[in-house]
Protein backbone atom coordinates (compact mmCIF):
# COMPACT_ATOMS: atom_id res chain seq x y z
CA UNK A 1 -0.37 -16.24 10.83
CA UNK A 2 -0.66 -13.78 13.64
CA UNK A 3 -1.56 -10.28 12.49
CA UNK A 4 1.51 -8.89 14.22
CA UNK A 5 3.64 -10.93 11.83
CA UNK A 6 2.02 -9.48 8.72
CA UNK A 7 4.46 -6.60 8.34
CA UNK A 8 6.51 -5.88 5.21
CA UNK A 9 8.71 -3.16 3.78
CA UNK A 10 8.84 -2.03 0.26
CA UNK A 11 11.94 -0.11 -0.89
CA UNK A 12 11.26 2.29 -3.66
CA UNK A 13 7.87 3.98 -4.11
CA UNK A 14 7.87 4.24 -7.97
CA UNK A 15 5.48 2.46 -10.23
CA UNK A 16 6.59 -1.03 -9.22
CA UNK A 17 7.00 -0.27 -5.51
CA UNK A 18 3.51 1.38 -5.44
CA UNK A 19 1.95 -1.77 -6.99
CA UNK A 20 3.77 -4.13 -4.63
CA UNK A 21 2.75 -1.97 -1.56
CA UNK A 22 -0.86 -1.84 -2.78
CA UNK A 23 -1.00 -5.62 -3.23
CA UNK A 24 0.24 -6.20 0.30
CA UNK A 25 -2.16 -3.58 1.68
CA UNK A 26 -5.08 -5.32 -0.09
CA UNK A 27 -3.88 -8.55 1.71
CA UNK A 28 -4.18 -6.68 4.96
CA UNK A 29 -0.44 -6.50 5.62
CA UNK A 30 1.02 -3.55 7.49
CA UNK A 31 3.22 -2.02 4.81
CA UNK A 32 6.26 0.28 5.37
CA UNK A 33 7.02 2.15 2.14
CA UNK A 34 10.36 3.87 1.67
CA UNK A 35 11.87 6.07 -0.96
CA UNK A 36 14.70 8.64 -0.97
CA UNK A 37 12.58 11.05 -3.02
CA UNK A 38 9.84 12.45 -0.73
CA UNK A 39 7.76 13.61 -3.61
CA UNK A 40 7.68 10.11 -5.03
CA UNK A 41 6.80 8.72 -1.67
CA UNK A 42 4.03 11.14 -1.07
CA UNK A 43 2.56 10.48 -4.55
CA UNK A 44 2.63 6.69 -3.96
CA UNK A 45 0.95 7.12 -0.59
CA UNK A 46 -1.80 9.21 -2.17
CA UNK A 47 -2.26 6.76 -4.99
CA UNK A 48 -2.41 3.81 -2.65
CA UNK A 49 -5.04 5.56 -0.51
CA UNK A 50 -7.10 6.48 -3.57
CA UNK A 51 -6.82 2.96 -5.00
CA UNK A 52 -7.91 1.36 -1.70
CA UNK A 53 -10.82 3.78 -1.35
CA UNK A 54 -12.01 2.96 -4.91
CA UNK A 55 -11.76 -0.84 -4.22
CA UNK A 56 -13.73 -0.43 -0.92
CA UNK A 57 -16.35 1.67 -2.79
CA UNK A 58 -16.64 -1.03 -5.43
CA UNK A 59 -17.01 -3.66 -2.66
CA UNK A 60 -13.94 -5.53 -3.95
CA UNK A 61 -12.12 -5.35 -0.62
CA UNK A 62 -13.52 -4.87 2.89
CA UNK A 63 -13.21 -1.56 4.65
CA UNK A 64 -10.54 -1.58 7.31
């Protein structure tokens, strides 16, 4: 699959949406995360960044 085709959207950035978005990000997909509540969206973005950083630090996923 061409990298340009690896784009997905996740609607809802709560607990489940965060996990789904994180899974796609780990799979090197370009993820668009949406939520009506900006605070929830910001929290999810921060949690995803922290989770990815921890996974990279533990050598479980490659740095990107």
